[in-house]
Amino acid sequence: MRVLLPLTLTLLTGTAAAASYPVTVTHTSGQTTLRAEPRRVVALGPHALDLLLSLGVQPAGYGEASHIATRDYGSPIRQIRYLGSRVTGAPINVGDRFNPNLEVLLSVKPDLIVGENYAAANYPALTRLAPTLLLHGIHSGDWQKSLVTLGRALNREEQARTVLNRHASFIRRAAQDVPAPLRGARALVVWNAGGAQKDVFTVLGPRDWTGGFFQNLGFRLALPGSADPSLGEGYRKVSSEVLAGLDADVVFLIASSRNTTAQARRDWQANPLAQRLNASRSGRVYVLDAQLFSRLRGPIAEELMVRELQRQWNP
């Protein structure tokens, strides 16, 4: 079983002193210097929010994917899926996570903006408003590295080390708690967007964050041929015909894009090729929500994911 321990131990090596500002940190769009400890931080997306909350930082503003969030930009955002119960304030809705409303963002008066590399096209505009960090988050191990970067920027390096230590222990325990019939099983982890794409599946591999998560729980990933570079080597898209040849003991079916778990389940059950899989015949197809299993991509998400899996494994 591959776990994150080597990476985590590497990241935890040494005990850095508390940050003395100014601090310069390197991220996907270059280097950013912070003159003082940030107090008003905007999270562009659930991934950034997961990392901030894990460090004990509450957001002053928040941006979500445009098809999920309300359009009431400039008002407090009231519903944040999966992470909302951990948000104690009323962060302002700044718009789309990759293309935020700059006027609203300016009104929040941030002294740090945290987002993902997907917002790189807007980095020049964002960095004119406030110091901005854009982080990688889609690959296995990315969030651990980003948490260290963020901890340094926020003068919370000790908190970052604590989160990494605790999380490594949590994943070890979670792997041990996988039900015996599933432990070490050959697993097919796929996205499905539904609709016109209901018969197309994106198979996820070990480099992808979600695929890596399942591998860290001890599953052996079922993979079709070589990785597709256009998917960042996450793995590749396949048809139902190819899917049927990737027989697996268990399937984790993630309802992605605008698909719902209920519709994904109906489409799977109506797909005669999918029903040929051993996992379908044995009742080991678990349908999961992409917001939790694909978009958050942080330590809080992984703990919630384990709880959701345990709920489905032990109904």
Protein backbone atom coordinates (compact mmCIF):
# COMPACT_ATOMS: atom_id res chain seq x y z
CA MET A 1 0.00 0.00 0.00
CA ARG A 2 1.33 3.43 -0.97
CA VAL A 3 0.76 6.12 1.64
CA LEU A 4 1.77 9.75 1.99
CA LEU A 5 4.22 9.11 4.80
CA PRO A 6 7.47 9.71 2.86
CA LEU A 7 6.19 13.04 1.55
CA THR A 8 4.75 14.00 4.91
CA LEU A 9 7.92 13.17 6.79
CA THR A 10 9.95 15.17 4.28
CA LEU A 11 7.68 18.16 4.73
CA LEU A 12 7.85 17.87 8.51
CA THR A 13 11.63 17.81 8.70
CA GLY A 14 13.01 20.65 10.74
CA THR A 15 11.32 23.16 13.02
CA ALA A 16 11.20 26.58 11.44
CA ALA A 17 10.86 29.60 13.67
CA ALA A 18 7.80 31.81 13.55
CA ALA A 19 7.69 33.92 10.42
CA SER A 20 9.37 37.31 10.50
CA TYR A 21 7.80 39.59 7.95
CA PRO A 22 8.30 40.45 5.18
CA VAL A 23 8.01 36.88 3.94
CA THR A 24 8.45 35.79 0.32
CA VAL A 25 6.83 32.55 -0.81
CA THR A 26 7.02 30.74 -4.13
CA HIS A 27 3.86 29.46 -5.82
CA THR A 28 2.64 28.44 -9.28
CA SER A 29 2.58 32.00 -10.67
CA GLY A 30 5.88 33.17 -9.24
CA GLN A 31 6.87 34.71 -5.93
CA THR A 32 4.78 36.81 -3.58
CA THR A 33 6.02 38.96 -0.73
CA LEU A 34 3.85 39.66 2.28
CA ARG A 35 4.81 42.70 4.35
CA ALA A 36 2.80 41.67 7.40
CA GLU A 37 0.78 38.73 8.67
CA PRO A 38 -2.46 38.54 6.64
CA ARG A 39 -5.68 39.26 8.52
CA ARG A 40 -8.28 39.38 5.74
CA VAL A 41 -7.91 36.38 3.45
CA VAL A 42 -10.05 35.55 0.44
CA ALA A 43 -10.41 31.90 -0.60
CA LEU A 44 -11.01 31.38 -4.31
CA GLY A 45 -12.59 27.94 -4.34
CA PRO A 46 -13.24 25.08 -1.93
CA HIS A 47 -9.68 23.79 -2.22
CA ALA A 48 -8.25 27.05 -0.88
CA LEU A 49 -10.98 27.17 1.76
CA ASP A 50 -10.20 23.63 2.95
CA LEU A 51 -6.53 24.52 3.41
CA LEU A 52 -7.30 27.80 5.20
CA LEU A 53 -9.81 26.24 7.57
CA SER A 54 -7.42 23.41 8.38
CA LEU A 55 -4.96 26.10 9.55
CA GLY A 56 -7.63 27.84 11.62
CA VAL A 57 -8.05 30.79 9.24
CA GLN A 58 -11.56 32.11 8.55
CA PRO A 59 -12.16 33.67 5.11
CA ALA A 60 -13.20 37.28 4.60
CA GLY A 61 -14.40 36.40 1.09
CA TYR A 62 -15.13 33.26 -0.87
CA GLY A 63 -15.48 32.35 -4.55
CA GLU A 64 -17.12 29.16 -5.79
CA ALA A 65 -17.64 27.53 -9.17
CA SER A 66 -20.21 29.63 -11.03
CA HIS A 67 -22.61 26.71 -11.58
CA ILE A 68 -22.71 25.97 -7.84
CA ALA A 69 -22.72 29.37 -6.14
CA THR A 70 -25.50 31.93 -6.14
CA ARG A 71 -25.08 35.03 -8.32
CA ASP A 72 -25.61 37.37 -5.37
CA TYR A 73 -22.08 38.75 -5.57
CA GLY A 74 -21.12 41.19 -2.85
CA SER A 75 -23.43 39.63 -0.25
CA PRO A 76 -22.48 37.15 2.47
CA ILE A 77 -22.44 33.63 1.12
CA ARG A 78 -24.61 31.47 3.35
CA GLN A 79 -24.28 27.96 1.99
CA ILE A 80 -20.91 26.35 1.38
CA ARG A 81 -21.21 22.66 0.71
CA TYR A 82 -19.35 20.34 3.09
CA LEU A 83 -17.26 23.12 4.67
CA GLY A 84 -20.01 25.56 5.68
CA SER A 85 -20.35 24.25 9.22
CA ARG A 86 -16.70 25.14 9.83
CA VAL A 87 -17.07 28.74 8.63
CA THR A 88 -17.91 30.90 11.64
CA GLY A 89 -18.23 34.26 9.92
CA ALA A 90 -20.07 35.55 6.85
CA PRO A 91 -17.58 35.64 3.97
CA ILE A 92 -18.52 37.83 1.04
CA ASN A 93 -19.40 36.11 -2.23
CA VAL A 94 -16.73 37.35 -4.67
CA GLY A 95 -17.94 35.36 -7.67
CA ASP A 96 -16.42 32.55 -9.68
CA ARG A 97 -13.35 30.90 -8.17
CA PHE A 98 -11.30 31.26 -11.36
CA ASN A 99 -12.77 34.53 -12.59
CA PRO A 100 -13.91 36.53 -9.55
CA ASN A 101 -15.70 39.87 -9.61
CA LEU A 102 -12.79 42.27 -9.15
CA GLU A 103 -14.97 45.14 -7.92
CA VAL A 104 -16.47 43.00 -5.18
CA LEU A 105 -13.07 41.53 -4.39
CA LEU A 106 -11.64 45.03 -3.94
CA SER A 107 -14.48 45.95 -1.57
CA VAL A 108 -13.53 43.07 0.73
CA LYS A 109 -10.12 44.74 1.24
CA PRO A 110 -8.12 41.51 1.35
CA ASP A 111 -4.50 41.42 2.38
CA LEU A 112 -4.11 37.93 0.87
CA ILE A 113 -5.91 36.09 -1.94
CA VAL A 114 -5.50 32.30 -2.12
CA GLY A 115 -6.58 30.34 -5.19
CA GLU A 116 -5.54 27.65 -7.64
CA ASN A 117 -3.32 27.74 -10.69
CA TYR A 118 -6.47 27.62 -12.87
CA ALA A 119 -6.90 31.33 -12.07
CA ALA A 120 -3.49 32.12 -13.60
CA ALA A 121 -4.99 34.20 -16.42
CA ASN A 122 -6.33 36.61 -13.80
CA TYR A 123 -3.18 36.63 -11.67
CA PRO A 124 -1.97 40.07 -12.87
CA ALA A 125 -5.33 41.63 -11.96
CA LEU A 126 -5.57 39.77 -8.66
CA THR A 127 -2.09 40.68 -7.54
CA ARG A 128 -2.84 44.36 -8.15
CA LEU A 129 -5.58 44.08 -5.53
CA ALA A 130 -3.64 42.12 -2.91
CA PRO A 131 -0.77 39.65 -2.56
CA THR A 132 -1.97 36.48 -4.28
CA LEU A 133 -0.94 32.84 -3.97
CA LEU A 134 -2.03 30.38 -6.66
CA LEU A 135 -1.44 26.77 -5.68
CA HIS A 136 -1.43 23.36 -7.36
CA GLY A 137 -4.06 20.99 -6.04
CA ILE A 138 -5.11 18.32 -8.54
CA HIS A 139 -2.34 15.78 -8.06
CA SER A 140 -1.71 13.38 -5.24
CA GLY A 141 0.52 15.09 -2.67
CA ASP A 142 -0.18 18.62 -3.93
CA TRP A 143 -2.18 19.85 -0.97
CA GLN A 144 0.48 18.76 1.51
CA LYS A 145 3.05 20.92 -0.28
CA SER A 146 0.60 23.81 -0.61
CA LEU A 147 -0.26 23.64 3.09
CA VAL A 148 3.39 24.19 3.96
CA THR A 149 3.53 27.18 1.59
CA LEU A 150 0.35 28.62 3.03
CA GLY A 151 1.49 28.02 6.59
CA ARG A 152 4.61 30.05 5.92
CA ALA A 153 2.64 32.90 4.35
CA LEU A 154 0.20 33.01 7.28
CA ASN A 155 2.74 32.53 10.08
CA ARG A 156 1.14 29.17 10.85
CA GLU A 157 3.93 26.75 10.08
CA GLU A 158 3.47 24.90 13.36
CA GLN A 159 -0.22 24.42 12.61
CA ALA A 160 0.67 23.08 9.16
CA ARG A 161 3.05 20.53 10.69
CA THR A 162 0.37 19.46 13.15
CA VAL A 163 -2.22 19.03 10.39
CA LEU A 164 0.17 16.92 8.31
CA ASN A 165 1.10 14.70 11.25
CA ARG A 166 -2.48 14.13 12.33
CA HIS A 167 -3.66 13.53 8.79
CA ALA A 168 -0.99 10.91 8.08
CA SER A 169 -2.11 9.04 11.20
CA PHE A 170 -5.76 9.39 10.22
CA ILE A 171 -5.17 7.87 6.76
CA ARG A 172 -3.20 4.98 8.27
CA ARG A 173 -6.10 4.20 10.60
CA ALA A 174 -8.65 4.61 7.81
CA ALA A 175 -6.77 2.10 5.63
CA GLN A 176 -6.82 -0.38 8.49
CA ASP A 177 -10.57 0.16 8.92
CA VAL A 178 -11.52 -0.68 5.32
CA PRO A 179 -13.90 -3.67 5.52
CA ALA A 180 -12.12 -6.98 5.06
CA PRO A 181 -13.88 -7.90 1.76
CA LEU A 182 -12.65 -4.61 0.24
CA ARG A 183 -9.19 -4.42 1.72
CA GLY A 184 -6.60 -4.44 -1.06
CA ALA A 185 -9.37 -4.82 -3.66
CA ARG A 186 -8.93 -3.91 -7.32
CA ALA A 187 -10.83 -0.62 -7.64
CA LEU A 188 -12.13 1.35 -10.58
CA VAL A 189 -12.37 5.06 -9.74
CA VAL A 190 -14.25 7.04 -12.39
CA TRP A 191 -15.90 10.38 -13.05
CA ASN A 192 -19.12 10.52 -15.03
CA ALA A 193 -20.71 13.80 -16.13
CA GLY A 194 -24.05 12.29 -17.14
CA GLY A 195 -26.32 13.67 -19.84
CA ALA A 196 -24.84 13.34 -23.31
CA GLN A 197 -21.66 11.99 -21.66
CA LYS A 198 -23.35 9.31 -19.59
CA ASP A 199 -21.54 6.54 -21.50
CA VAL A 200 -18.11 8.20 -21.20
CA PHE A 201 -16.03 7.65 -18.07
CA THR A 202 -12.85 9.32 -16.89
CA VAL A 203 -10.75 6.70 -15.14
CA LEU A 204 -8.58 8.17 -12.38
CA GLY A 205 -5.05 6.98 -11.69
CA PRO A 206 -2.58 7.29 -8.82
CA ARG A 207 -1.24 10.72 -9.83
CA ASP A 208 -4.72 12.23 -9.62
CA TRP A 209 -5.64 13.44 -6.12
CA THR A 210 -8.79 11.30 -5.94
CA GLY A 211 -7.08 8.23 -7.37
CA GLY A 212 -4.18 8.72 -4.98
CA PHE A 213 -6.59 8.97 -2.05
CA PHE A 214 -8.06 5.56 -2.83
CA GLN A 215 -4.62 4.08 -3.36
CA ASN A 216 -3.58 5.42 0.04
CA LEU A 217 -6.51 3.50 1.53
CA GLY A 218 -4.96 0.33 0.12
CA PHE A 219 -6.97 -0.14 -3.08
CA ARG A 220 -5.28 -1.33 -6.28
CA LEU A 221 -6.37 0.94 -9.11
CA ALA A 222 -7.70 -0.60 -12.33
CA LEU A 223 -6.22 1.40 -15.23
CA PRO A 224 -6.72 1.34 -19.02
CA GLY A 225 -3.43 1.44 -20.92
CA SER A 226 -1.31 4.57 -20.69
CA ALA A 227 -2.18 7.92 -19.13
CA ASP A 228 -3.59 10.74 -21.25
CA PRO A 229 -1.24 13.77 -21.04
CA SER A 230 -4.18 16.12 -21.72
CA LEU A 231 -5.67 15.04 -18.38
CA GLY A 232 -2.47 15.90 -16.52
CA GLU A 233 -1.77 12.16 -16.40
CA GLY A 234 -4.75 11.84 -14.06
CA TYR A 235 -5.52 8.98 -16.38
CA ARG A 236 -7.84 8.72 -19.38
CA LYS A 237 -11.40 8.80 -20.73
CA VAL A 238 -12.94 5.53 -21.86
CA SER A 239 -16.18 4.30 -23.41
CA SER A 240 -18.57 1.86 -21.77
CA GLU A 241 -17.06 -0.88 -23.96
CA VAL A 242 -13.56 -0.25 -22.61
CA LEU A 243 -14.90 0.15 -19.09
CA ALA A 244 -16.46 -3.32 -19.25
CA GLY A 245 -12.99 -4.78 -19.86
CA LEU A 246 -11.56 -3.18 -16.71
CA ASP A 247 -13.16 -5.66 -14.38
CA ALA A 248 -12.76 -4.64 -10.78
CA ASP A 249 -13.84 -5.82 -7.35
CA VAL A 250 -15.25 -2.40 -6.49
CA VAL A 251 -16.27 0.75 -8.39
CA PHE A 252 -16.22 4.29 -7.01
CA LEU A 253 -18.45 6.27 -9.38
CA ILE A 254 -18.12 10.04 -8.98
CA ALA A 255 -20.98 12.17 -10.32
CA SER A 256 -19.06 15.06 -11.87
CA SER A 257 -19.85 18.38 -13.55
CA ARG A 258 -23.63 18.97 -13.31
CA ASN A 259 -24.44 15.31 -12.77
CA THR A 260 -26.09 14.15 -9.54
CA THR A 261 -25.44 11.01 -7.55
CA ALA A 262 -29.04 9.89 -8.06
CA GLN A 263 -28.82 10.29 -11.84
CA ALA A 264 -25.38 8.69 -12.00
CA ARG A 265 -26.74 5.66 -10.16
CA ARG A 266 -29.71 5.37 -12.53
CA ASP A 267 -27.50 5.68 -15.60
CA TRP A 268 -25.10 3.04 -14.26
CA GLN A 269 -27.90 0.60 -13.51
CA ALA A 270 -29.33 1.15 -17.01
CA ASN A 271 -25.98 0.57 -18.72
CA PRO A 272 -25.80 -3.12 -19.76
CA LEU A 273 -22.02 -2.99 -20.22
CA ALA A 274 -21.48 -1.52 -16.75
CA GLN A 275 -23.68 -4.25 -15.30
CA ARG A 276 -21.25 -6.88 -16.60
CA LEU A 277 -18.60 -5.74 -14.14
CA ASN A 278 -17.99 -8.00 -11.17
CA ALA A 279 -18.45 -4.98 -8.88
CA SER A 280 -21.97 -4.45 -10.25
CA ARG A 281 -22.91 -8.09 -9.83
CA SER A 282 -21.65 -8.13 -6.25
CA GLY A 283 -23.28 -4.84 -5.26
CA ARG A 284 -20.02 -2.98 -4.74
CA VAL A 285 -20.62 0.17 -6.77
CA TYR A 286 -20.45 3.28 -4.58
CA VAL A 287 -21.77 6.54 -6.04
CA LEU A 288 -20.06 9.69 -4.77
CA ASP A 289 -20.42 13.46 -5.08
CA ALA A 290 -17.71 15.31 -7.02
CA GLN A 291 -17.83 18.38 -4.78
CA LEU A 292 -16.47 16.26 -1.95
CA PHE A 293 -14.51 13.66 -3.91
CA SER A 294 -12.99 15.95 -6.54
CA ARG A 295 -13.15 19.68 -5.82
CA LEU A 296 -12.18 20.24 -2.17
CA ARG A 297 -8.91 18.31 -2.27
CA GLY A 298 -7.58 18.99 1.19
CA PRO A 299 -7.18 17.42 4.64
CA ILE A 300 -10.71 18.25 5.79
CA ALA A 301 -12.12 16.80 2.57
CA GLU A 302 -10.23 13.54 2.99
CA GLU A 303 -11.59 13.07 6.50
CA LEU A 304 -15.14 13.74 5.27
CA MET A 305 -14.55 11.34 2.36
CA VAL A 306 -13.52 8.56 4.72
CA ARG A 307 -16.66 9.14 6.79
CA GLU A 308 -18.86 9.03 3.69
CA LEU A 309 -17.24 5.80 2.52
CA GLN A 310 -17.67 4.24 5.95
CA ARG A 311 -21.34 5.29 5.90
CA GLN A 312 -21.86 3.55 2.55
CA TRP A 313 -19.83 0.50 3.53
CA ASN A 314 -21.75 0.08 6.78
CA PRO A 315 -25.33 1.20 6.03
